[in-house]
Structures are given as structure tokens and as C-alpha cells.
Amino acid sequence: MPELRRDPVVGRWVIISTERARRPSDFNSQPPKLRPGPCVFCEGQEARTPEEVWALRPEGGPANGPGWLARVVPNRFPALRIEGDLDPTGEGLYDRMNGVGAHEVVIEAPVHDARMERLPVSHLAAVLLAYRERILDLAKDPRIEYVMVFKNQGEAAGASLEHAHSQLIATPIVPMMVDEELAGGLQHFRIKHRCIWCDIVRQESQGGGRVVLENGSFIALAPFAPRFPFETWILPSDHRSAFEGMSEQALTPLAAILSETLSRMSSTLGETPYNLMLHSAPLRASRLDHFHWHLEIIPKLTRVAGFEWGTGFFINPMPPEQAAKHLRESTVGVKKAP
């Protein structure tokens, strides 16, 4: 019997279509054929990118040269540009402003064929450090209200280059989806005087079968009302509203659980394209009692079609309890942090 489930944060309803339920092997995709390097993001090709704004070079060395572990450069084709004034204006009912912001690329590894889940935990922690440092730096710009960090893995997920990379876009407004989470969290807090995300972490940790992994500092879980098969969230076990407030030491256990979660997905589903998004508090309200930063990982296993676009309902053929069980039972070995 299909179920309608309501997301407790934003109130969105989804259809868990158990009659369409599928085995993980039904989703397996063939590994994409990797075009050979070097590409513009490979080590030794630094002159082919815009000048870097951040890099981690363990052995030192000059900027915009080899020897880096992770590197951040402006996007050559930015969605928003750092130059200029917002100049908001009205035209009757309509509002507009200049496309001021920032668009940067986080190059996750110097080698061409790396994947995020294959990186050593210490290396992945350096990628997360790049996220944190760029958010902190962009937050100094009073025009910027929010920084969205995201990763498109694979062409079907929106990646135009195969070399492992993430992106961040800094915007002068808070994105609608984050705004909906903020509003839902605030409504819950006003009624119950508790963070709804903390309530989710507490309840899921006590049972229900939707936990994938826990490591004492972070939890990976299948949400109660997932939009997509194998949708997974990673949250801090304790209340944290802003990702950029994380200490450098805390990034290692985060890297460990992210690496293990992605590895289990790859083992269960094959090298499926996916999107990874970081939802954090707005820059001008970084300490909130009603919001909890989190990562969302969405494998590209189904398509959004007319019903979803027309109604806002999502149809998911994989109950989250089954998805979490498959990921828990994956044979991938747990990676140890150094």
C-alpha cells in the first residue's frame, strides 16, 4: 500500500510508492567512461584556471603552481559576479537587483581520476576545510547573505567536468529552500522550545531503522519523508547551526562519515551520479537555536516529471527504512581517520 509521508521540517508531502519498490541492483549504473587527463583542473595546469583564492600546500610552494592538495579558483563562467553594487529596484510588482555574488570552484584533488569517496579521510578533511575557509572569507562582504556549497558528481547530476570538484555560490539573498527550512524550524521551536533537527537526531538514534552510520560526532540517516531513493542526510549529533563555526579538528570525523556514506552508496548502487548540498545558517544569523546545519546527498536514480513539477509531490519507490538497511549492510570496510 503506498504511503503519504510529511516532512516534519518544511511540511512537504511525498509519496512512498511501495508498489513500485525496487532492489538496489535495479538502480546500478555502469561506471562512466573517464576521458583521459590532463584537464584544466589537474596539477601542472594551474595557468589554465583563474588565479586561486585559496589552496592547501602541505610542503609549501608558490601560489598558482603545483604541490597543492586542494585548491579554490573563481569559476570562469560565473552565475554571479563579485564586482558591482546590488542596486535593487522595483518595476511595479516586480523586483530586481544586479547579479552580485561569487561563484568559485573547489578542486578536490590534484589527480585526474579521484573521487570524493576514494580520498583518504585526511584529504577529504582538507576539502571540507576549503569550504569553511571560503565561507568565512566571503562572509566579510556585507553584500553576501548566504553561501551555498554543492557538488555535482557525474554528467547526469550536472557536472560538466569529470575531475573531482565542488562549487560554491555566494548570493545576496537567502535561497528559498533554506528559507523554508528556517521557517519550519522556527515554527517548531516556538511551539516546543526545541530544535527540530535535534529532535530528529534524537529520535532516529533511538530506533526506527533509518540510521545509516553514527560516529559519536555525526549521524548519517535516511530522512522520514525522502524525495528521492537513497536520499541521505548527515548532521552533527550536537546542535550546530553554522557549518563555518566548526573547528578544524571536528572536520576529521565529518570527513570520515561522509567518506563512508559515499562509499556505501557506491558499493550499493554503483558509481551513480549524485548531488551533495550543504545547508547552513545565513551568514548574518549564524547562531540560531532553531536551525541545524546538514549535508544532503541525493543520488540521481529517478527523474522529476510532470506530476512532481505540477504538484510539489515527489514519488519515491524506495522506502527510507529499506534504503538505510541496504546502506548499513554494505560490505564496504569502514575507513579509519588518521
Protein backbone atom coordinates (compact mmCIF):
# COMPACT_ATOMS: atom_id res chain seq x y z
CA MET A 1 0.00 0.00 0.00
CA PRO A 2 1.54 3.38 -0.95
CA GLU A 3 2.08 5.90 1.84
CA LEU A 4 1.93 9.67 2.04
CA ARG A 5 4.61 10.99 4.37
CA ARG A 6 5.07 14.56 5.59
CA ASP A 7 8.48 16.13 6.06
CA PRO A 8 8.44 17.46 9.64
CA VAL A 9 10.62 20.49 8.83
CA VAL A 10 9.12 22.11 5.74
CA GLY A 11 5.76 20.31 5.67
CA ARG A 12 6.35 18.85 2.21
CA TRP A 13 4.45 15.64 1.44
CA VAL A 14 5.98 12.76 -0.51
CA ILE A 15 4.53 9.54 -1.86
CA ILE A 16 6.40 6.40 -0.84
CA SER A 17 5.27 4.16 -3.68
CA THR A 18 5.86 0.72 -2.19
CA GLU A 19 4.15 -0.91 -5.17
CA ARG A 20 6.99 0.45 -7.30
CA ALA A 21 9.65 -0.71 -4.83
CA ARG A 22 12.91 -1.75 -6.42
CA ARG A 23 16.05 -3.61 -5.38
CA PRO A 24 19.30 -1.63 -5.17
CA SER A 25 20.65 -3.66 -8.10
CA ASP A 26 17.82 -2.25 -10.24
CA PHE A 27 19.41 1.18 -9.83
CA ASN A 28 23.01 0.12 -10.62
CA SER A 29 24.51 2.14 -13.40
CA GLN A 30 27.60 1.47 -15.46
CA PRO A 31 30.67 3.45 -14.35
CA PRO A 32 31.09 6.45 -16.66
CA LYS A 33 33.95 6.39 -19.12
CA LEU A 34 36.50 8.86 -17.85
CA ARG A 35 38.11 11.00 -20.50
CA PRO A 36 41.89 10.94 -20.04
CA GLY A 37 43.71 13.85 -18.48
CA PRO A 38 45.32 16.16 -18.02
CA CYS A 39 42.41 18.58 -17.79
CA VAL A 40 42.23 22.19 -16.70
CA PHE A 41 41.92 21.15 -13.01
CA CYS A 42 44.89 18.76 -12.97
CA GLU A 43 48.12 19.53 -11.13
CA GLY A 44 50.53 21.25 -13.51
CA GLN A 45 47.69 23.01 -15.35
CA GLU A 46 47.30 25.89 -12.88
CA ALA A 47 47.92 28.52 -15.58
CA ARG A 48 44.74 27.38 -17.33
CA THR A 49 42.48 28.45 -14.43
CA PRO A 50 41.82 31.87 -12.93
CA GLU A 51 44.22 32.75 -10.09
CA GLU A 52 43.47 30.76 -6.95
CA VAL A 53 41.77 32.37 -3.94
CA TRP A 54 42.73 29.57 -1.52
CA ALA A 55 44.93 26.47 -1.59
CA LEU A 56 46.42 23.95 0.81
CA ARG A 57 50.07 23.14 0.04
CA PRO A 58 51.42 20.82 2.76
CA GLU A 59 55.02 21.30 1.61
CA GLY A 60 54.67 25.00 0.88
CA GLY A 61 55.40 26.50 -2.52
CA PRO A 62 54.22 29.46 -4.58
CA ALA A 63 50.60 30.21 -5.35
CA ASN A 64 49.18 29.09 -8.69
CA GLY A 65 51.74 26.32 -9.05
CA PRO A 66 51.95 22.58 -8.29
CA GLY A 67 52.19 21.00 -4.84
CA TRP A 68 48.60 21.56 -3.67
CA LEU A 69 46.22 19.12 -2.01
CA ALA A 70 43.05 21.16 -2.57
CA ARG A 71 42.62 24.42 -4.45
CA VAL A 72 39.88 27.04 -4.93
CA VAL A 73 39.58 29.24 -8.01
CA PRO A 74 36.89 31.58 -9.34
CA ASN A 75 34.53 29.94 -11.82
CA ARG A 76 35.46 31.01 -15.33
CA PHE A 77 31.75 31.22 -16.22
CA PRO A 78 30.19 32.59 -13.01
CA ALA A 79 26.49 32.61 -12.25
CA LEU A 80 27.08 35.77 -10.16
CA ARG A 81 29.98 38.25 -10.17
CA ILE A 82 31.76 39.83 -7.23
CA GLU A 83 32.05 43.26 -8.89
CA GLY A 84 29.40 45.96 -8.65
CA ASP A 85 26.56 47.14 -6.43
CA LEU A 86 23.27 45.38 -5.81
CA ASP A 87 21.20 48.42 -6.83
CA PRO A 88 17.80 46.84 -6.01
CA THR A 89 14.94 48.39 -7.95
CA GLY A 90 11.22 47.87 -8.38
CA GLU A 91 9.14 47.77 -11.53
CA GLY A 92 5.53 47.69 -10.40
CA LEU A 93 5.01 44.21 -8.94
CA TYR A 94 8.47 43.10 -9.97
CA ASP A 95 11.75 43.35 -8.09
CA ARG A 96 15.23 43.10 -9.49
CA MET A 97 18.85 43.66 -8.50
CA ASN A 98 22.22 43.25 -10.09
CA GLY A 99 23.71 39.75 -10.12
CA VAL A 100 26.30 40.41 -7.45
CA GLY A 101 27.81 37.50 -5.56
CA ALA A 102 30.59 34.99 -6.07
CA HIS A 103 30.99 31.66 -7.85
CA GLU A 104 34.03 29.52 -7.03
CA VAL A 105 35.28 26.01 -7.78
CA VAL A 106 36.83 23.79 -5.11
CA ILE A 107 39.24 21.44 -6.90
CA GLU A 108 39.27 18.47 -4.56
CA ALA A 109 42.41 16.65 -5.68
CA PRO A 110 45.39 17.20 -7.99
CA VAL A 111 44.97 13.89 -9.86
CA HIS A 112 42.50 13.49 -12.70
CA ASP A 113 40.68 10.29 -11.70
CA ALA A 114 40.00 10.97 -7.99
CA ARG A 115 36.54 10.60 -6.49
CA MET A 116 35.49 12.11 -3.19
CA GLU A 117 34.77 8.76 -1.52
CA ARG A 118 38.19 7.41 -2.54
CA LEU A 119 40.15 10.23 -0.92
CA PRO A 120 41.91 9.50 2.39
CA VAL A 121 39.98 10.92 5.31
CA SER A 122 42.74 13.47 5.98
CA HIS A 123 42.50 14.66 2.36
CA LEU A 124 38.71 14.91 2.46
CA ALA A 125 39.02 16.92 5.68
CA ALA A 126 41.16 19.38 3.70
CA VAL A 127 38.35 19.74 1.15
CA LEU A 128 35.90 20.48 3.98
CA LEU A 129 38.42 22.98 5.36
CA ALA A 130 38.36 24.72 1.97
CA TYR A 131 34.57 25.01 2.26
CA ARG A 132 34.85 26.52 5.74
CA GLU A 133 37.62 28.97 4.88
CA ARG A 134 35.88 30.27 1.78
CA ILE A 135 32.59 30.77 3.64
CA LEU A 136 34.40 32.69 6.39
CA ASP A 137 36.15 34.88 3.84
CA LEU A 138 33.04 35.60 1.75
CA ALA A 139 31.10 36.41 4.93
CA LYS A 140 33.24 39.55 5.27
CA ASP A 141 31.44 41.02 2.25
CA PRO A 142 28.32 42.83 3.58
CA ARG A 143 26.53 42.26 0.27
CA ILE A 144 26.61 38.47 0.75
CA GLU A 145 23.81 36.84 2.76
CA TYR A 146 24.36 33.17 2.01
CA VAL A 147 26.94 30.74 0.62
CA MET A 148 25.66 27.53 -0.97
CA VAL A 149 28.24 24.76 -1.25
CA PHE A 150 27.33 21.93 -3.59
CA LYS A 151 28.83 19.08 -5.59
CA ASN A 152 27.55 17.64 -8.87
CA GLN A 153 29.08 14.20 -9.35
CA GLY A 154 28.60 12.90 -12.87
CA GLU A 155 27.14 14.35 -16.03
CA ALA A 156 23.57 13.34 -15.11
CA ALA A 157 23.94 15.34 -11.88
CA GLY A 158 25.05 18.46 -13.74
CA ALA A 159 28.85 18.14 -13.79
CA SER A 160 30.48 19.50 -16.95
CA LEU A 161 33.99 18.36 -15.97
CA GLU A 162 34.91 14.91 -14.64
CA HIS A 163 37.80 16.00 -12.40
CA ALA A 164 36.66 15.86 -8.74
CA HIS A 165 35.39 19.28 -7.75
CA SER A 166 32.73 21.09 -5.76
CA GLN A 167 31.34 24.58 -6.19
CA LEU A 168 30.09 27.40 -4.02
CA ILE A 169 27.87 30.28 -4.97
CA ALA A 170 27.54 33.27 -2.66
CA THR A 171 24.22 35.10 -3.01
CA PRO A 172 22.82 38.42 -1.77
CA ILE A 173 19.60 36.68 -0.68
CA VAL A 174 18.84 33.53 1.33
CA PRO A 175 17.74 30.71 -1.04
CA MET A 176 14.08 29.73 -0.91
CA MET A 177 14.71 26.11 0.15
CA VAL A 178 16.86 27.21 3.07
CA ASP A 179 14.30 29.86 3.94
CA GLU A 180 11.61 27.16 4.11
CA GLU A 181 13.78 25.11 6.49
CA LEU A 182 14.40 28.18 8.64
CA ALA A 183 10.66 28.92 8.81
CA GLY A 184 9.77 25.31 9.64
CA GLY A 185 12.46 25.12 12.31
CA LEU A 186 11.32 28.39 13.87
CA GLN A 187 7.68 27.27 13.99
CA HIS A 188 8.69 24.06 15.77
CA PHE A 189 10.90 25.97 18.20
CA ARG A 190 8.18 28.46 19.09
CA ILE A 191 5.81 25.62 19.99
CA LYS A 192 8.19 23.16 21.64
CA HIS A 193 11.25 25.26 22.54
CA ARG A 194 13.48 22.67 20.87
CA CYS A 195 15.39 22.46 17.61
CA ILE A 196 13.52 20.16 15.24
CA TRP A 197 16.78 18.88 13.79
CA CYS A 198 17.97 17.92 17.27
CA ASP A 199 14.64 16.13 17.78
CA ILE A 200 15.16 14.23 14.52
CA VAL A 201 18.69 13.20 15.53
CA ARG A 202 17.49 12.11 18.98
CA GLN A 203 14.51 10.12 17.69
CA GLU A 204 16.38 8.42 14.86
CA SER A 205 19.25 7.46 17.18
CA GLN A 206 16.77 5.70 19.45
CA GLY A 207 15.45 3.42 16.68
CA GLY A 208 13.24 3.34 13.64
CA GLY A 209 15.71 1.79 11.24
CA ARG A 210 16.64 4.91 9.29
CA VAL A 211 20.16 5.44 10.70
CA VAL A 212 22.95 4.54 8.29
CA LEU A 213 26.00 5.44 10.37
CA GLU A 214 26.97 7.20 13.60
CA ASN A 215 30.44 8.05 14.87
CA GLY A 216 29.77 9.96 18.08
CA SER A 217 30.06 13.40 16.45
CA PHE A 218 27.86 12.99 13.37
CA ILE A 219 24.95 10.89 12.16
CA ALA A 220 24.04 9.80 8.62
CA LEU A 221 20.37 8.91 8.17
CA ALA A 222 17.63 8.40 5.64
CA PRO A 223 15.01 11.13 6.26
CA PHE A 224 11.48 10.05 7.17
CA ALA A 225 9.97 11.59 4.03
CA PRO A 226 12.73 11.46 1.38
CA ARG A 227 12.07 12.95 -2.03
CA PHE A 228 14.38 10.50 -3.80
CA PRO A 229 15.62 6.91 -3.40
CA PHE A 230 18.62 6.66 -1.07
CA GLU A 231 18.45 10.36 -0.14
CA THR A 232 20.70 10.69 2.90
CA TRP A 233 21.39 13.48 5.39
CA ILE A 234 24.48 13.98 7.53
CA LEU A 235 24.04 16.11 10.66
CA PRO A 236 26.12 16.99 13.72
CA SER A 237 24.97 14.96 16.72
CA ASP A 238 25.04 18.12 18.85
CA HIS A 239 23.34 21.38 17.96
CA ARG A 240 25.29 23.41 15.41
CA SER A 241 23.59 25.98 13.23
CA ALA A 242 26.52 27.20 11.10
CA PHE A 243 28.96 24.94 9.29
CA GLU A 244 31.68 27.59 9.28
CA GLY A 245 31.65 27.54 13.09
CA MET A 246 33.12 24.01 13.06
CA SER A 247 36.64 23.66 14.42
CA GLU A 248 39.32 22.24 12.15
CA GLN A 249 39.56 19.19 14.43
CA ALA A 250 35.83 18.49 14.01
CA LEU A 251 36.24 18.25 10.24
CA THR A 252 38.06 14.91 10.52
CA PRO A 253 35.11 12.89 11.94
CA LEU A 254 32.85 14.69 9.46
CA ALA A 255 35.16 13.65 6.62
CA ALA A 256 35.14 10.08 7.95
CA ILE A 257 31.35 9.71 7.98
CA LEU A 258 30.95 11.48 4.63
CA SER A 259 33.56 9.23 3.04
CA GLU A 260 31.96 6.10 4.49
CA THR A 261 28.45 7.14 3.44
CA LEU A 262 29.51 7.83 -0.14
CA SER A 263 31.50 4.58 -0.24
CA ARG A 264 28.46 2.60 0.91
CA MET A 265 26.32 4.30 -1.74
CA SER A 266 28.88 3.45 -4.41
CA SER A 267 29.06 -0.17 -3.24
CA THR A 268 25.26 -0.49 -3.15
CA LEU A 269 24.31 1.47 -6.26
CA GLY A 270 27.44 1.53 -8.39
CA GLU A 271 29.12 4.78 -9.36
CA THR A 272 25.79 6.56 -9.60
CA PRO A 273 25.74 10.32 -10.25
CA TYR A 274 24.70 12.33 -7.20
CA ASN A 275 24.25 15.84 -5.85
CA LEU A 276 25.62 16.90 -2.48
CA MET A 277 24.43 20.15 -0.86
CA LEU A 278 25.39 21.95 2.34
CA HIS A 279 22.57 23.78 4.13
CA SER A 280 23.88 26.13 6.80
CA ALA A 281 22.52 29.16 8.63
CA PRO A 282 22.53 32.52 6.81
CA LEU A 283 25.75 34.46 7.29
CA ARG A 284 24.10 37.29 9.24
CA ALA A 285 22.32 34.89 11.61
CA SER A 286 24.91 32.21 12.21
CA ARG A 287 23.85 31.27 15.76
CA LEU A 288 20.28 30.05 15.70
CA ASP A 289 18.53 27.87 18.26
CA HIS A 290 16.06 26.57 15.68
CA PHE A 291 18.36 25.56 12.80
CA HIS A 292 20.89 22.75 12.43
CA TRP A 293 23.37 22.67 9.54
CA HIS A 294 23.37 19.48 7.49
CA LEU A 295 24.56 17.83 4.29
CA GLU A 296 22.05 16.38 1.84
CA ILE A 297 23.17 13.65 -0.59
CA ILE A 298 20.80 12.78 -3.44
CA PRO A 299 21.72 10.02 -5.91
CA LYS A 300 20.33 10.56 -9.41
CA LEU A 301 18.20 7.42 -9.65
CA THR A 302 14.78 8.73 -10.72
CA ARG A 303 13.50 11.60 -12.82
CA VAL A 304 11.38 14.55 -11.78
CA ALA A 305 8.47 14.69 -14.24
CA GLY A 306 5.15 16.47 -14.79
CA PHE A 307 3.38 15.25 -11.65
CA GLU A 308 6.22 16.42 -9.40
CA TRP A 309 6.58 19.78 -11.13
CA GLY A 310 2.82 20.30 -11.18
CA THR A 311 2.03 19.34 -7.59
CA GLY A 312 5.20 19.60 -5.50
CA PHE A 313 4.73 15.95 -4.51
CA PHE A 314 7.66 13.62 -5.08
CA ILE A 315 7.19 9.91 -5.80
CA ASN A 316 9.87 7.74 -4.19
CA PRO A 317 9.88 3.98 -4.96
CA MET A 318 12.34 3.17 -2.15
CA PRO A 319 11.12 3.37 1.48
CA PRO A 320 13.82 5.06 3.57
CA GLU A 321 13.91 2.18 6.06
CA GLN A 322 14.89 -0.19 3.24
CA ALA A 323 17.42 2.26 1.80
CA ALA A 324 19.11 2.70 5.18
CA LYS A 325 19.16 -1.08 5.69
CA HIS A 326 20.85 -1.63 2.32
CA LEU A 327 23.48 1.01 3.13
CA ARG A 328 24.10 -0.37 6.62
CA GLU A 329 24.60 -3.85 5.20
CA SER A 330 27.00 -2.70 2.50
CA THR A 331 30.22 -4.71 2.53
CA VAL A 332 32.44 -1.64 2.26
CA GLY A 333 35.01 -1.56 5.04
CA VAL A 334 34.96 1.34 7.44
CA LYS A 335 37.72 3.88 6.74
CA LYS A 336 39.77 4.92 9.72
CA ALA A 337 40.68 8.52 10.32
CA PRO A 338 44.42 9.09 10.72
